[in-house]
PDB file of N, CA and C in Angstrom:
ATOM      1  N   MET A   1      37.631 246.199 184.253  1.00  0.00           N
ATOM      2  CA  MET A   1      37.533 247.451 184.972  1.00  0.00           C
ATOM      3  C   MET A   1      36.839 248.476 184.093  1.00  0.00           C
ATOM      4  N   LYS A   2      35.793 249.092 184.606  1.00  0.00           N
ATOM      5  CA  LYS A   2      35.048 250.087 183.852  1.00  0.00           C
ATOM      6  C   LYS A   2      35.673 251.462 184.029  1.00  0.00           C
ATOM      7  N   ASP A   3      35.729 252.191 182.936  1.00  0.00           N
ATOM      8  CA  ASP A   3      36.257 253.548 182.958  1.00  0.00           C
ATOM      9  C   ASP A   3      35.115 254.495 183.339  1.00  0.00           C
ATOM     10  N   PRO A   4      35.253 255.242 184.429  1.00  0.00           N
ATOM     11  CA  PRO A   4      34.168 256.120 184.861  1.00  0.00           C
ATOM     12  C   PRO A   4      33.871 257.234 183.853  1.00  0.00           C
ATOM     13  N   TYR A   5      34.861 257.673 183.108  1.00  0.00           N
ATOM     14  CA  TYR A   5      34.644 258.724 182.114  1.00  0.00           C
ATOM     15  C   TYR A   5      33.808 258.202 180.946  1.00  0.00           C
ATOM     16  N   VAL A   6      34.126 256.990 180.505  1.00  0.00           N
ATOM     17  CA  VAL A   6      33.361 256.377 179.425  1.00  0.00           C
ATOM     18  C   VAL A   6      31.925 256.146 179.879  1.00  0.00           C
ATOM     19  N   ALA A   7      31.759 255.681 181.109  1.00  0.00           N
ATOM     20  CA  ALA A   7      30.413 255.444 181.646  1.00  0.00           C
ATOM     21  C   ALA A   7      29.605 256.736 181.685  1.00  0.00           C
ATOM     22  N   GLU A   8      30.247 257.828 182.067  1.00  0.00           N
ATOM     23  CA  GLU A   8      29.547 259.114 182.136  1.00  0.00           C
ATOM     24  C   GLU A   8      29.145 259.598 180.742  1.00  0.00           C
ATOM     25  N   VAL A   9      30.037 259.477 179.778  1.00  0.00           N
ATOM     26  CA  VAL A   9      29.717 259.876 178.404  1.00  0.00           C
ATOM     27  C   VAL A   9      28.549 259.051 177.880  1.00  0.00           C
ATOM     28  N   ARG A  10      28.579 257.750 178.130  1.00  0.00           N
ATOM     29  CA  ARG A  10      27.491 256.877 177.665  1.00  0.00           C
ATOM     30  C   ARG A  10      26.168 257.230 178.324  1.00  0.00           C
ATOM     31  N   LYS A  11      26.217 257.593 179.598  1.00  0.00           N
ATOM     32  CA  LYS A  11      25.004 257.968 180.324  1.00  0.00           C
ATOM     33  C   LYS A  11      24.350 259.190 179.678  1.00  0.00           C
ATOM     34  N   TYR A  12      25.159 260.221 179.405  1.00  0.00           N
ATOM     35  CA  TYR A  12      24.613 261.437 178.817  1.00  0.00           C
ATOM     36  C   TYR A  12      24.206 261.230 177.367  1.00  0.00           C
ATOM     37  N   ARG A  13      24.926 260.374 176.649  1.00  0.00           N
ATOM     38  CA  ARG A  13      24.552 260.074 175.272  1.00  0.00           C
ATOM     39  C   ARG A  13      23.204 259.358 175.237  1.00  0.00           C
ATOM     40  N   LEU A  14      22.978 258.455 176.161  1.00  0.00           N
ATOM     41  CA  LEU A  14      21.701 257.743 176.228  1.00  0.00           C
ATOM     42  C   LEU A  14      20.561 258.700 176.565  1.00  0.00           C
ATOM     43  N   GLN A  15      20.803 259.623 177.500  1.00  0.00           N
ATOM     44  CA  GLN A  15      19.787 260.626 177.835  1.00  0.00           C
ATOM     45  C   GLN A  15      19.446 261.482 176.616  1.00  0.00           C
ATOM     46  N   HIS A  16      20.466 261.889 175.884  1.00  0.00           N
ATOM     47  CA  HIS A  16      20.267 262.714 174.692  1.00  0.00           C
ATOM     48  C   HIS A  16      19.475 261.938 173.642  1.00  0.00           C
ATOM     49  N   THR A  17      19.790 260.664 173.470  1.00  0.00           N
ATOM     50  CA  THR A  17      19.087 259.824 172.507  1.00  0.00           C
ATOM     51  C   THR A  17      17.614 259.681 172.885  1.00  0.00           C
ATOM     52  N   LYS A  18      17.336 259.459 174.147  1.00  0.00           N
ATOM     53  CA  LYS A  18      15.945 259.320 174.614  1.00  0.00           C
ATOM     54  C   LYS A  18      15.170 260.621 174.439  1.00  0.00           C
ATOM     55  N   GLN A  19      15.854 261.744 174.616  1.00  0.00           N
ATOM     56  CA  GLN A  19      15.203 263.058 174.483  1.00  0.00           C
ATOM     57  C   GLN A  19      14.608 263.235 173.086  1.00  0.00           C
ATOM     58  N   PHE A  20      15.227 262.630 172.071  1.00  0.00           N
ATOM     59  CA  PHE A  20      14.773 262.774 170.696  1.00  0.00           C
ATOM     60  C   PHE A  20      14.155 261.483 170.161  1.00  0.00           C
ATOM     61  N   GLY A  21      13.787 260.596 171.051  1.00  0.00           N
ATOM     62  CA  GLY A  21      13.104 259.370 170.654  1.00  0.00           C
ATOM     63  C   GLY A  21      13.911 258.508 169.702  1.00  0.00           C
ATOM     64  N   SER A  22      15.219 258.510 169.842  1.00  0.00           N
ATOM     65  CA  SER A  22      16.142 257.728 169.013  1.00  0.00           C
ATOM     66  C   SER A  22      16.098 258.120 167.534  1.00  0.00           C
ATOM     67  N   ASN A  23      15.575 259.330 167.228  1.00  0.00           N
ATOM     68  CA  ASN A  23      15.509 259.811 165.852  1.00  0.00           C
ATOM     69  C   ASN A  23      16.865 260.427 165.498  1.00  0.00           C
ATOM     70  N   LEU A  24      17.640 259.711 164.685  1.00  0.00           N
ATOM     71  CA  LEU A  24      18.996 260.133 164.364  1.00  0.00           C
ATOM     72  C   LEU A  24      19.037 261.509 163.696  1.00  0.00           C
ATOM     73  N   HIS A  25      18.070 261.785 162.832  1.00  0.00           N
ATOM     74  CA  HIS A  25      18.021 263.090 162.166  1.00  0.00           C
ATOM     75  C   HIS A  25      17.898 264.212 163.193  1.00  0.00           C
ATOM     76  N   LEU A  26      17.011 264.061 164.157  1.00  0.00           N
ATOM     77  CA  LEU A  26      16.822 265.091 165.182  1.00  0.00           C
ATOM     78  C   LEU A  26      18.034 265.207 166.103  1.00  0.00           C
ATOM     79  N   ILE A  27      18.640 264.087 166.429  1.00  0.00           N
ATOM     80  CA  ILE A  27      19.832 264.096 167.283  1.00  0.00           C
ATOM     81  C   ILE A  27      20.955 264.868 166.594  1.00  0.00           C
ATOM     82  N   CYS A  28      21.197 264.564 165.322  1.00  0.00           N
ATOM     83  CA  CYS A  28      22.269 265.238 164.582  1.00  0.00           C
ATOM     84  C   CYS A  28      21.982 266.723 164.418  1.00  0.00           C
ATOM     85  N   GLU A  29      20.737 267.071 164.144  1.00  0.00           N
ATOM     86  CA  GLU A  29      20.391 268.483 164.006  1.00  0.00           C
ATOM     87  C   GLU A  29      20.619 269.220 165.318  1.00  0.00           C
ATOM     88  N   ASP A  30      20.273 268.605 166.429  1.00  0.00           N
ATOM     89  CA  ASP A  30      20.505 269.221 167.734  1.00  0.00           C
ATOM     90  C   ASP A  30      22.001 269.438 167.970  1.00  0.00           C
ATOM     91  N   LEU A  31      22.806 268.446 167.618  1.00  0.00           N
ATOM     92  CA  LEU A  31      24.259 268.576 167.797  1.00  0.00           C
ATOM     93  C   LEU A  31      24.835 269.651 166.885  1.00  0.00           C
ATOM     94  N   ARG A  32      24.320 269.760 165.642  1.00  0.00           N
ATOM     95  CA  ARG A  32      24.787 270.820 164.742  1.00  0.00           C
ATOM     96  C   ARG A  32      24.421 272.193 165.295  1.00  0.00           C
ATOM     97  N   GLN A  33      23.215 272.308 165.810  1.00  0.00           N
ATOM     98  CA  GLN A  33      22.766 273.575 166.388  1.00  0.00           C
ATOM     99  C   GLN A  33      23.630 273.954 167.597  1.00  0.00           C
ATOM    100  N   PHE A  34      23.940 272.981 168.433  1.00  0.00           N
ATOM    101  CA  PHE A  34      24.808 273.229 169.585  1.00  0.00           C
ATOM    102  C   PHE A  34      26.188 273.689 169.126  1.00  0.00           C
ATOM    103  N   GLU A  35      26.715 273.028 168.092  1.00  0.00           N
ATOM    104  CA  GLU A  35      28.032 273.394 167.570  1.00  0.00           C
ATOM    105  C   GLU A  35      28.021 274.821 167.026  1.00  0.00           C
ATOM    106  N   ARG A  36      26.944 275.204 166.325  1.00  0.00           N
ATOM    107  CA  ARG A  36      26.841 276.577 165.819  1.00  0.00           C
ATOM    108  C   ARG A  36      26.807 277.579 166.963  1.00  0.00           C
ATOM    109  N   SER A  37      26.214 277.212 168.082  1.00  0.00           N
ATOM    110  CA  SER A  37      26.108 278.132 169.218  1.00  0.00           C
ATOM    111  C   SER A  37      27.466 278.402 169.863  1.00  0.00           C
ATOM    112  N   LEU A  38      28.432 277.529 169.607  1.00  0.00           N
ATOM    113  CA  LEU A  38      29.759 277.704 170.185  1.00  0.00           C
ATOM    114  C   LEU A  38      30.591 278.738 169.438  1.00  0.00           C
ATOM    115  N   GLY A  39      30.194 279.046 168.216  1.00  0.00           N
ATOM    116  CA  GLY A  39      30.901 280.053 167.433  1.00  0.00           C
ATOM    117  C   GLY A  39      32.343 279.673 167.173  1.00  0.00           C
ATOM    118  N   ASP A  40      33.261 280.559 167.561  1.00  0.00           N
ATOM    119  CA  ASP A  40      34.671 280.348 167.253  1.00  0.00           C
ATOM    120  C   ASP A  40      35.372 279.410 168.239  1.00  0.00           C
ATOM    121  N   ARG A  41      34.625 278.814 169.143  1.00  0.00           N
ATOM    122  CA  ARG A  41      35.233 277.868 170.089  1.00  0.00           C
ATOM    123  C   ARG A  41      35.442 276.491 169.477  1.00  0.00           C
ATOM    124  N   VAL A  42      34.900 276.268 168.268  1.00  0.00           N
ATOM    125  CA  VAL A  42      35.063 274.989 167.582  1.00  0.00           C
ATOM    126  C   VAL A  42      36.193 275.128 166.579  1.00  0.00           C
ATOM    127  N   VAL A  43      37.138 274.229 166.625  1.00  0.00           N
ATOM    128  CA  VAL A  43      38.277 274.256 165.715  1.00  0.00           C
ATOM    129  C   VAL A  43      38.008 273.299 164.567  1.00  0.00           C
ATOM    130  N   THR A  44      38.151 273.808 163.353  1.00  0.00           N
ATOM    131  CA  THR A  44      38.006 272.974 162.167  1.00  0.00           C
ATOM    132  C   THR A  44      39.355 272.913 161.483  1.00  0.00           C
ATOM    133  N   LEU A  45      39.909 271.734 161.413  1.00  0.00           N
ATOM    134  CA  LEU A  45      41.210 271.547 160.789  1.00  0.00           C
ATOM    135  C   LEU A  45      41.036 271.171 159.330  1.00  0.00           C
ATOM    136  N   GLY A  46      41.952 271.623 158.510  1.00  0.00           N
ATOM    137  CA  GLY A  46      41.944 271.253 157.107  1.00  0.00           C
ATOM    138  C   GLY A  46      42.383 269.817 156.937  1.00  0.00           C
ATOM    139  N   PRO A  47      42.266 269.304 155.718  1.00  0.00           N
ATOM    140  CA  PRO A  47      42.687 267.922 155.486  1.00  0.00           C
ATOM    141  C   PRO A  47      44.198 267.769 155.649  1.00  0.00           C
ATOM    142  N   ARG A  48      44.607 266.615 156.163  1.00  0.00           N
ATOM    143  CA  ARG A  48      46.035 266.342 156.319  1.00  0.00           C
ATOM    144  C   ARG A  48      46.596 265.923 154.977  1.00  0.00           C
ATOM    145  N   LYS A  49      47.818 266.335 154.724  1.00  0.00           N
ATOM    146  CA  LYS A  49      48.484 265.918 153.495  1.00  0.00           C
ATOM    147  C   LYS A  49      49.118 264.562 153.740  1.00  0.00           C
ATOM    148  N   VAL A  50      48.867 263.653 152.825  1.00  0.00           N
ATOM    149  CA  VAL A  50      49.439 262.321 152.914  1.00  0.00           C
ATOM    150  C   VAL A  50      50.783 262.366 152.192  1.00  0.00           C
ATOM    151  N   PRO A  51      51.846 261.969 152.875  1.00  0.00           N
ATOM    152  CA  PRO A  51      53.155 262.009 152.223  1.00  0.00           C
ATOM    153  C   PRO A  51      53.208 261.037 151.048  1.00  0.00           C
ATOM    154  N   ARG A  52      53.745 261.526 149.954  1.00  0.00           N
ATOM    155  CA  ARG A  52      53.875 260.676 148.769  1.00  0.00           C
ATOM    156  C   ARG A  52      55.142 259.854 148.869  1.00  0.00           C
ATOM    157  N   THR A  53      55.027 258.612 148.484  1.00  0.00           N
ATOM    158  CA  THR A  53      56.215 257.767 148.417  1.00  0.00           C
ATOM    159  C   THR A  53      56.521 257.540 146.945  1.00  0.00           C
ATOM    160  N   GLY A  54      57.763 257.488 146.580  1.00  0.00           N
ATOM    161  CA  GLY A  54      58.142 257.302 145.183  1.00  0.00           C
ATOM    162  C   GLY A  54      58.016 255.870 144.716  1.00  0.00           C
ATOM    163  N   ALA A  55      57.750 254.939 145.620  1.00  0.00           N
ATOM    164  CA  ALA A  55      57.752 253.518 145.273  1.00  0.00           C
ATOM    165  C   ALA A  55      56.502 253.078 144.515  1.00  0.00           C
ATOM    166  N   SER A  56      55.332 253.692 144.808  1.00  0.00           N
ATOM    167  CA  SER A  56      54.131 253.190 144.161  1.00  0.00           C
ATOM    168  C   SER A  56      53.061 254.277 144.134  1.00  0.00           C
ATOM    169  N   THR A  57      52.028 253.993 143.372  1.00  0.00           N
ATOM    170  CA  THR A  57      50.848 254.860 143.335  1.00  0.00           C
ATOM    171  C   THR A  57      49.656 254.005 143.712  1.00  0.00           C
ATOM    172  N   ALA A  58      48.477 254.556 143.578  1.00  0.00           N
ATOM    173  CA  ALA A  58      47.274 253.805 143.927  1.00  0.00           C
ATOM    174  C   ALA A  58      47.119 252.577 143.034  1.00  0.00           C
ATOM    175  N   ARG A  59      47.620 252.640 141.801  1.00  0.00           N
ATOM    176  CA  ARG A  59      47.499 251.506 140.883  1.00  0.00           C
ATOM    177  C   ARG A  59      48.663 250.519 141.004  1.00  0.00           C
ATOM    178  N   GLY A  60      49.635 250.853 141.797  1.00  0.00           N
ATOM    179  CA  GLY A  60      50.769 249.955 141.963  1.00  0.00           C
ATOM    180  C   GLY A  60      51.856 250.144 140.911  1.00  0.00           C
ATOM    181  N   VAL A  61      51.739 251.209 140.113  1.00  0.00           N
ATOM    182  CA  VAL A  61      52.740 251.472 139.076  1.00  0.00           C
ATOM    183  C   VAL A  61      53.733 252.482 139.622  1.00  0.00           C
ATOM    184  N   PRO A  62      55.028 252.180 139.548  1.00  0.00           N
ATOM    185  CA  PRO A  62      56.027 253.121 140.058  1.00  0.00           C
ATOM    186  C   PRO A  62      55.981 254.451 139.324  1.00  0.00           C
ATOM    187  N   ARG A  63      56.221 255.521 140.082  1.00  0.00           N
ATOM    188  CA  ARG A  63      56.296 256.856 139.472  1.00  0.00           C
ATOM    189  C   ARG A  63      57.684 257.049 138.888  1.00  0.00           C
ATOM    190  N   SER A  64      57.713 257.817 137.807  1.00  0.00           N
ATOM    191  CA  SER A  64      59.025 258.092 137.227  1.00  0.00           C
ATOM    192  C   SER A  64      59.371 259.555 137.313  1.00  0.00           C
TER     193      SER A  64
END
């Protein structure tokens, strides 16, 4: 079963890609410019804090 929302997003994404001749640099620049035009309507979240566990570290050595 095809999702009509996914199909619509893909349709517009393909149109956007064709508009810039599949040039990824131009596509990304256009999207950045569009995002800038939105001003404060774009929410930028800070990095999430990863909870520390006392059992191990990245090296596998227990913390004391």
